[in-house]
C-alpha atoms as a PDB file:
ATOM      1  CA  ALA A   1      75.693  19.165 139.869  1.00  0.00           C
ATOM      2  CA  ALA A   2      75.478  22.357 137.725  1.00  0.00           C
ATOM      3  CA  ALA A   3      77.422  20.709 134.868  1.00  0.00           C
ATOM      4  CA  LEU A   4      74.976  17.875 134.853  1.00  0.00           C
ATOM      5  CA  GLY A   5      71.949  20.321 134.713  1.00  0.00           C
ATOM      6  CA  ALA A   6      71.071  19.902 138.396  1.00  0.00           C
ATOM      7  CA  SER A   7      70.257  23.109 140.022  1.00  0.00           C
ATOM      8  CA  SER A   8      69.938  22.146 143.851  1.00  0.00           C
ATOM      9  CA  LEU A   9      72.860  24.233 145.199  1.00  0.00           C
ATOM     10  CA  THR A  10      72.481  27.445 142.948  1.00  0.00           C
ATOM     11  CA  ALA A  11      68.622  27.233 142.160  1.00  0.00           C
ATOM     12  CA  GLU A  12      67.856  30.534 143.566  1.00  0.00           C
ATOM     13  CA  ALA A  13      70.942  32.529 142.088  1.00  0.00           C
ATOM     14  CA  GLY A  14      70.730  33.235 138.298  1.00  0.00           C
ATOM     15  CA  THR A  15      74.344  33.095 137.811  1.00  0.00           C
ATOM     16  CA  ARG A  16      76.191  29.812 136.835  1.00  0.00           C
ATOM     17  CA  PRO A  17      79.677  28.833 137.604  1.00  0.00           C
ATOM     18  CA  GLY A  18      82.217  29.742 134.827  1.00  0.00           C
ATOM     19  CA  ASN A  19      85.097  27.928 136.359  1.00  0.00           C
ATOM     20  CA  GLU A  20      85.484  24.514 137.703  1.00  0.00           C
ATOM     21  CA  GLU A  21      88.112  25.262 140.391  1.00  0.00           C
ATOM     22  CA  ALA A  22      86.237  27.966 141.661  1.00  0.00           C
ATOM     23  CA  TYR A  23      82.953  26.009 141.767  1.00  0.00           C
ATOM     24  CA  ASP A  24      84.840  23.149 143.757  1.00  0.00           C
ATOM     25  CA  LEU A  25      86.209  25.802 146.388  1.00  0.00           C
ATOM     26  CA  TYR A  26      82.751  27.051 146.811  1.00  0.00           C
ATOM     27  CA  LEU A  27      81.197  23.741 147.181  1.00  0.00           C
ATOM     28  CA  ARG A  28      83.697  22.865 149.793  1.00  0.00           C
ATOM     29  CA  SER A  29      83.208  26.015 151.688  1.00  0.00           C
ATOM     30  CA  THR A  30      79.623  25.418 151.682  1.00  0.00           C
ATOM     31  CA  ALA A  31      79.906  22.022 153.243  1.00  0.00           C
ATOM     32  CA  LEU A  32      82.199  23.518 156.123  1.00  0.00           C
ATOM     33  CA  PRO A  33      80.526  24.616 159.413  1.00  0.00           C
ATOM     34  CA  TYR A  34      80.246  28.424 160.236  1.00  0.00           C
ATOM     35  CA  ASP A  35      82.934  28.104 163.048  1.00  0.00           C
ATOM     36  CA  ALA A  36      84.928  31.293 163.967  1.00  0.00           C
ATOM     37  CA  GLY A  37      88.004  28.847 164.159  1.00  0.00           C
ATOM     38  CA  GLN A  38      87.812  27.437 160.757  1.00  0.00           C
ATOM     39  CA  ASN A  39      86.711  30.604 159.133  1.00  0.00           C
ATOM     40  CA  ALA A  40      89.834  32.305 158.260  1.00  0.00           C
ATOM     41  CA  SER A  41      90.983  29.388 156.099  1.00  0.00           C
ATOM     42  CA  ILE A  42      87.314  29.133 154.365  1.00  0.00           C
ATOM     43  CA  ILE A  43      87.614  32.790 153.699  1.00  0.00           C
ATOM     44  CA  ALA A  44      90.940  32.070 151.870  1.00  0.00           C
ATOM     45  CA  MET A  45      89.253  29.473 150.126  1.00  0.00           C
ATOM     46  CA  LEU A  46      86.184  31.694 148.810  1.00  0.00           C
ATOM     47  CA  GLU A  47      88.679  34.484 148.231  1.00  0.00           C
ATOM     48  CA  LYS A  48      90.295  32.407 145.705  1.00  0.00           C
ATOM     49  CA  SER A  49      87.099  31.164 144.289  1.00  0.00           C
ATOM     50  CA  VAL A  50      85.805  34.723 143.317  1.00  0.00           C
ATOM     51  CA  GLY A  51      89.260  35.553 142.206  1.00  0.00           C
ATOM     52  CA  LEU A  52      89.211  32.762 139.603  1.00  0.00           C
ATOM     53  CA  ASP A  53      85.281  33.375 138.882  1.00  0.00           C
ATOM     54  CA  PRO A  54      84.264  36.647 139.906  1.00  0.00           C
ATOM     55  CA  SER A  55      80.890  36.523 138.071  1.00  0.00           C
ATOM     56  CA  PHE A  56      79.601  33.619 140.258  1.00  0.00           C
ATOM     57  CA  ALA A  57      76.917  35.408 142.977  1.00  0.00           C
ATOM     58  CA  PRO A  58      76.696  32.503 145.284  1.00  0.00           C
ATOM     59  CA  ALA A  59      80.281  32.554 145.934  1.00  0.00           C
ATOM     60  CA  TRP A  60      80.037  36.300 146.700  1.00  0.00           C
ATOM     61  CA  TYR A  61      77.121  35.652 148.996  1.00  0.00           C
ATOM     62  CA  GLU A  62      78.976  32.729 150.831  1.00  0.00           C
ATOM     63  CA  LEU A  63      82.125  35.045 151.103  1.00  0.00           C
ATOM     64  CA  SER A  64      80.033  37.807 152.713  1.00  0.00           C
ATOM     65  CA  ARG A  65      78.534  35.286 155.112  1.00  0.00           C
ATOM     66  CA  ARG A  66      81.861  33.965 156.136  1.00  0.00           C
ATOM     67  CA  TYR A  67      83.287  37.744 156.519  1.00  0.00           C
ATOM     68  CA  TYR A  68      80.135  38.367 158.746  1.00  0.00           C
ATOM     69  CA  VAL A  69      80.941  35.503 161.246  1.00  0.00           C
ATOM     70  CA  ALA A  70      84.392  36.758 161.170  1.00  0.00           C
ATOM     71  CA  SER A  71      83.500  40.186 162.163  1.00  0.00           C
ATOM     72  CA  ARG A  72      80.885  39.247 164.756  1.00  0.00           C
ATOM     73  CA  TYR A  73      82.396  36.083 166.443  1.00  0.00           C
ATOM     74  CA  ALA A  74      86.241  36.428 165.765  1.00  0.00           C
ATOM     75  CA  ASP A  75      86.994  40.043 166.459  1.00  0.00           C
ATOM     76  CA  ALA A  76      88.315  40.501 162.847  1.00  0.00           C
ATOM     77  CA  GLY A  77      87.827  44.149 163.067  1.00  0.00           C
ATOM     78  CA  HIS A  78      85.905  46.973 161.180  1.00  0.00           C
ATOM     79  CA  ASP A  79      87.379  46.258 157.746  1.00  0.00           C
ATOM     80  CA  THR A  80      85.962  42.815 157.951  1.00  0.00           C
ATOM     81  CA  VAL A  81      82.370  44.445 158.302  1.00  0.00           C
ATOM     82  CA  GLU A  82      83.054  46.544 155.104  1.00  0.00           C
ATOM     83  CA  ARG A  83      84.172  43.514 153.249  1.00  0.00           C
ATOM     84  CA  TYR A  84      81.150  41.351 153.944  1.00  0.00           C
ATOM     85  CA  GLU A  85      78.901  44.131 152.750  1.00  0.00           C
ATOM     86  CA  ILE A  86      81.089  44.616 149.713  1.00  0.00           C
ATOM     87  CA  ALA A  87      80.773  41.001 149.117  1.00  0.00           C
ATOM     88  CA  ALA A  88      76.935  41.192 149.486  1.00  0.00           C
ATOM     89  CA  VAL A  89      76.612  44.037 147.236  1.00  0.00           C
ATOM     90  CA  ARG A  90      78.678  42.390 144.680  1.00  0.00           C
ATOM     91  CA  ALA A  91      76.428  39.216 145.018  1.00  0.00           C
ATOM     92  CA  VAL A  92      73.352  41.215 144.554  1.00  0.00           C
ATOM     93  CA  SER A  93      74.771  43.310 141.578  1.00  0.00           C
ATOM     94  CA  LEU A  94      75.474  39.988 139.873  1.00  0.00           C
ATOM     95  CA  ASP A  95      72.217  38.775 140.240  1.00  0.00           C
ATOM     96  CA  PRO A  96      69.478  41.236 141.819  1.00  0.00           C
ATOM     97  CA  ASN A  97      67.031  38.342 141.926  1.00  0.00           C
ATOM     98  CA  TYR A  98      69.369  36.362 144.346  1.00  0.00           C
ATOM     99  CA  ILE A  99      66.871  36.849 147.410  1.00  0.00           C
ATOM    100  CA  ALA A 100      69.196  35.303 150.123  1.00  0.00           C
ATOM    101  CA  ALA A 101      72.140  37.896 149.219  1.00  0.00           C
ATOM    102  CA  GLY A 102      69.570  40.722 148.838  1.00  0.00           C
ATOM    103  CA  ALA A 103      68.009  39.838 152.256  1.00  0.00           C
ATOM    104  CA  PHE A 104      71.347  39.604 153.969  1.00  0.00           C
ATOM    105  CA  LEU A 105      72.465  42.766 152.338  1.00  0.00           C
ATOM    106  CA  ALA A 106      69.248  44.397 153.792  1.00  0.00           C
ATOM    107  CA  ASN A 107      70.023  42.731 157.212  1.00  0.00           C
ATOM    108  CA  SER A 108      73.409  44.340 157.477  1.00  0.00           C
ATOM    109  CA  TYR A 109      71.951  47.711 156.778  1.00  0.00           C
ATOM    110  CA  VAL A 110      69.678  46.971 159.657  1.00  0.00           C
ATOM    111  CA  GLU A 111      72.528  46.074 161.910  1.00  0.00           C
ATOM    112  CA  ARG A 112      74.094  49.503 161.077  1.00  0.00           C
ATOM    113  CA  GLY A 113      70.737  51.424 161.998  1.00  0.00           C
ATOM    114  CA  GLU A 114      70.229  52.308 158.192  1.00  0.00           C
ATOM    115  CA  LEU A 115      66.291  51.365 158.232  1.00  0.00           C
ATOM    116  CA  ILE A 116      65.580  53.342 155.106  1.00  0.00           C
ATOM    117  CA  LYS A 117      68.076  51.602 153.078  1.00  0.00           C
ATOM    118  CA  ALA A 118      67.325  48.302 154.313  1.00  0.00           C
ATOM    119  CA  TYR A 119      63.574  49.068 153.658  1.00  0.00           C
ATOM    120  CA  LYS A 120      64.446  50.192 150.154  1.00  0.00           C
ATOM    121  CA  GLN A 121      66.446  47.035 149.718  1.00  0.00           C
ATOM    122  CA  ASP A 122      63.636  44.750 150.752  1.00  0.00           C
ATOM    123  CA  GLU A 123      60.943  46.603 148.835  1.00  0.00           C
ATOM    124  CA  ASP A 124      63.058  45.913 145.566  1.00  0.00           C
ATOM    125  CA  LEU A 125      63.405  42.105 146.739  1.00  0.00           C
ATOM    126  CA  VAL A 126      59.625  41.945 147.211  1.00  0.00           C
ATOM    127  CA  ARG A 127      58.945  43.701 143.984  1.00  0.00           C
ATOM    128  CA  ARG A 128      61.252  41.597 142.147  1.00  0.00           C
ATOM    129  CA  ARG A 129      60.108  38.125 143.644  1.00  0.00           C
ATOM    130  CA  PRO A 130      56.701  38.699 145.308  1.00  0.00           C
ATOM    131  CA  ASP A 131      56.677  34.946 145.514  1.00  0.00           C
ATOM    132  CA  SER A 132      59.335  34.566 147.735  1.00  0.00           C
ATOM    133  CA  PHE A 133      58.820  33.717 151.516  1.00  0.00           C
ATOM    134  CA  GLN A 134      62.539  34.851 152.346  1.00  0.00           C
ATOM    135  CA  ALA A 135      61.936  38.376 150.762  1.00  0.00           C
ATOM    136  CA  HIS A 136      58.787  38.857 152.762  1.00  0.00           C
ATOM    137  CA  PHE A 137      60.547  37.565 155.953  1.00  0.00           C
ATOM    138  CA  SER A 138      63.344  39.972 155.424  1.00  0.00           C
ATOM    139  CA  ARG A 139      61.112  42.913 154.976  1.00  0.00           C
ATOM    140  CA  SER A 140      59.434  41.678 158.172  1.00  0.00           C
ATOM    141  CA  TYR A 141      62.803  41.840 159.832  1.00  0.00           C
ATOM    142  CA  VAL A 142      63.341  45.541 158.808  1.00  0.00           C
ATOM    143  CA  LEU A 143      59.759  46.665 159.870  1.00  0.00           C
ATOM    144  CA  ARG A 144      60.310  45.015 163.241  1.00  0.00           C
ATOM    145  CA  TYR A 145      63.427  46.898 163.840  1.00  0.00           C
ATOM    146  CA  ALA A 146      61.454  50.143 162.526  1.00  0.00           C
ATOM    147  CA  GLY A 147      58.797  49.341 165.310  1.00  0.00           C
ATOM    148  CA  LEU A 148      56.169  48.648 162.763  1.00  0.00           C
ATOM    149  CA  LEU A 149      55.052  45.466 164.545  1.00  0.00           C
ATOM    150  CA  LYS A 150      51.747  45.366 162.707  1.00  0.00           C
ATOM    151  CA  GLU A 151      53.431  45.448 159.310  1.00  0.00           C
ATOM    152  CA  SER A 152      55.974  43.106 160.182  1.00  0.00           C
ATOM    153  CA  ALA A 153      53.381  40.468 161.550  1.00  0.00           C
ATOM    154  CA  ASN A 154      51.752  40.915 158.100  1.00  0.00           C
ATOM    155  CA  GLU A 155      54.894  40.285 156.355  1.00  0.00           C
ATOM    156  CA  CYS A 156      55.502  37.056 158.580  1.00  0.00           C
ATOM    157  CA  GLU A 157      51.948  35.717 157.786  1.00  0.00           C
ATOM    158  CA  ILE A 158      52.935  36.335 154.096  1.00  0.00           C
ATOM    159  CA  SER A 159      56.096  34.354 154.648  1.00  0.00           C
ATOM    160  CA  HIS A 160      54.280  31.642 156.218  1.00  0.00           C
ATOM    161  CA  THR A 161      51.394  31.430 153.525  1.00  0.00           C
ATOM    162  CA  LEU A 162      54.083  31.053 150.697  1.00  0.00           C
ATOM    163  CA  ALA A 163      56.091  28.581 152.706  1.00  0.00           C
ATOM    164  CA  PRO A 164      54.625  27.130 155.743  1.00  0.00           C
ATOM    165  CA  SER A 165      57.466  24.869 156.908  1.00  0.00           C
ATOM    166  CA  ASP A 166      60.304  27.334 156.064  1.00  0.00           C
ATOM    167  CA  VAL A 167      59.501  30.641 157.834  1.00  0.00           C
ATOM    168  CA  PRO A 168      62.317  31.350 160.436  1.00  0.00           C
ATOM    169  CA  ARG A 169      61.352  31.230 164.067  1.00  0.00           C
ATOM    170  CA  SER A 170      62.149  34.890 164.533  1.00  0.00           C
ATOM    171  CA  CYS A 171      58.618  35.647 163.486  1.00  0.00           C
ATOM    172  CA  ALA A 172      57.433  34.419 166.686  1.00  0.00           C
ATOM    173  CA  ILE A 173      59.220  37.549 168.177  1.00  0.00           C
ATOM    174  CA  VAL A 174      56.940  39.866 166.211  1.00  0.00           C
ATOM    175  CA  PHE A 175      53.870  38.142 167.675  1.00  0.00           C
ATOM    176  CA  SER A 176      55.320  38.046 171.051  1.00  0.00           C
ATOM    177  CA  LEU A 177      56.057  41.853 170.917  1.00  0.00           C
ATOM    178  CA  GLN A 178      52.347  42.474 169.867  1.00  0.00           C
ATOM    179  CA  GLY A 179      51.285  40.181 172.837  1.00  0.00           C
ATOM    180  CA  ASP A 180      49.898  37.562 170.656  1.00  0.00           C
ATOM    181  CA  TYR A 181      51.541  34.832 172.631  1.00  0.00           C
ATOM    182  CA  GLU A 182      49.661  31.924 170.962  1.00  0.00           C
ATOM    183  CA  ARG A 183      50.619  32.903 167.474  1.00  0.00           C
ATOM    184  CA  ALA A 184      54.010  33.250 168.487  1.00  0.00           C
ATOM    185  CA  MET A 185      53.998  29.664 169.766  1.00  0.00           C
ATOM    186  CA  GLN A 186      52.340  28.473 166.679  1.00  0.00           C
END
């Protein structure tokens, strides 16, 4: 698709594939489910992809997500947690405007309890892309875990304004925690 000028799969990422085989491996990996049983072979596919084309941010992001699945659902060990963060950092360093990768990195910081680091990551995302519902939602996620529910709800509202049909359902958690059950149901 990218060779023909289409941008559907890599529209958000600023980097473009530089190696046909690497891109093929990346595309194949994105078509496969996030199943812990198949994940090891998909990780191998993505590791080969980034080895062939180390400058393609979406492949690093996808590798990061697969490492995450392995670390959380396949009991792959602590080094896999480090790998998913390293791969996410790599994706963001290759393309700082790649919101999905930046949000994923911020979420990993939240899971480690590094809320200040997560907040700084999300502040940078929102500064770079104030038009991105995903950047605002990611900031909402960080603020929720910091206990700043009013601020978190505000970010969910911004996300909803920017993309009414794309806001993740977990915004309902923020409204529920505030006691606004009607808004949570919406």
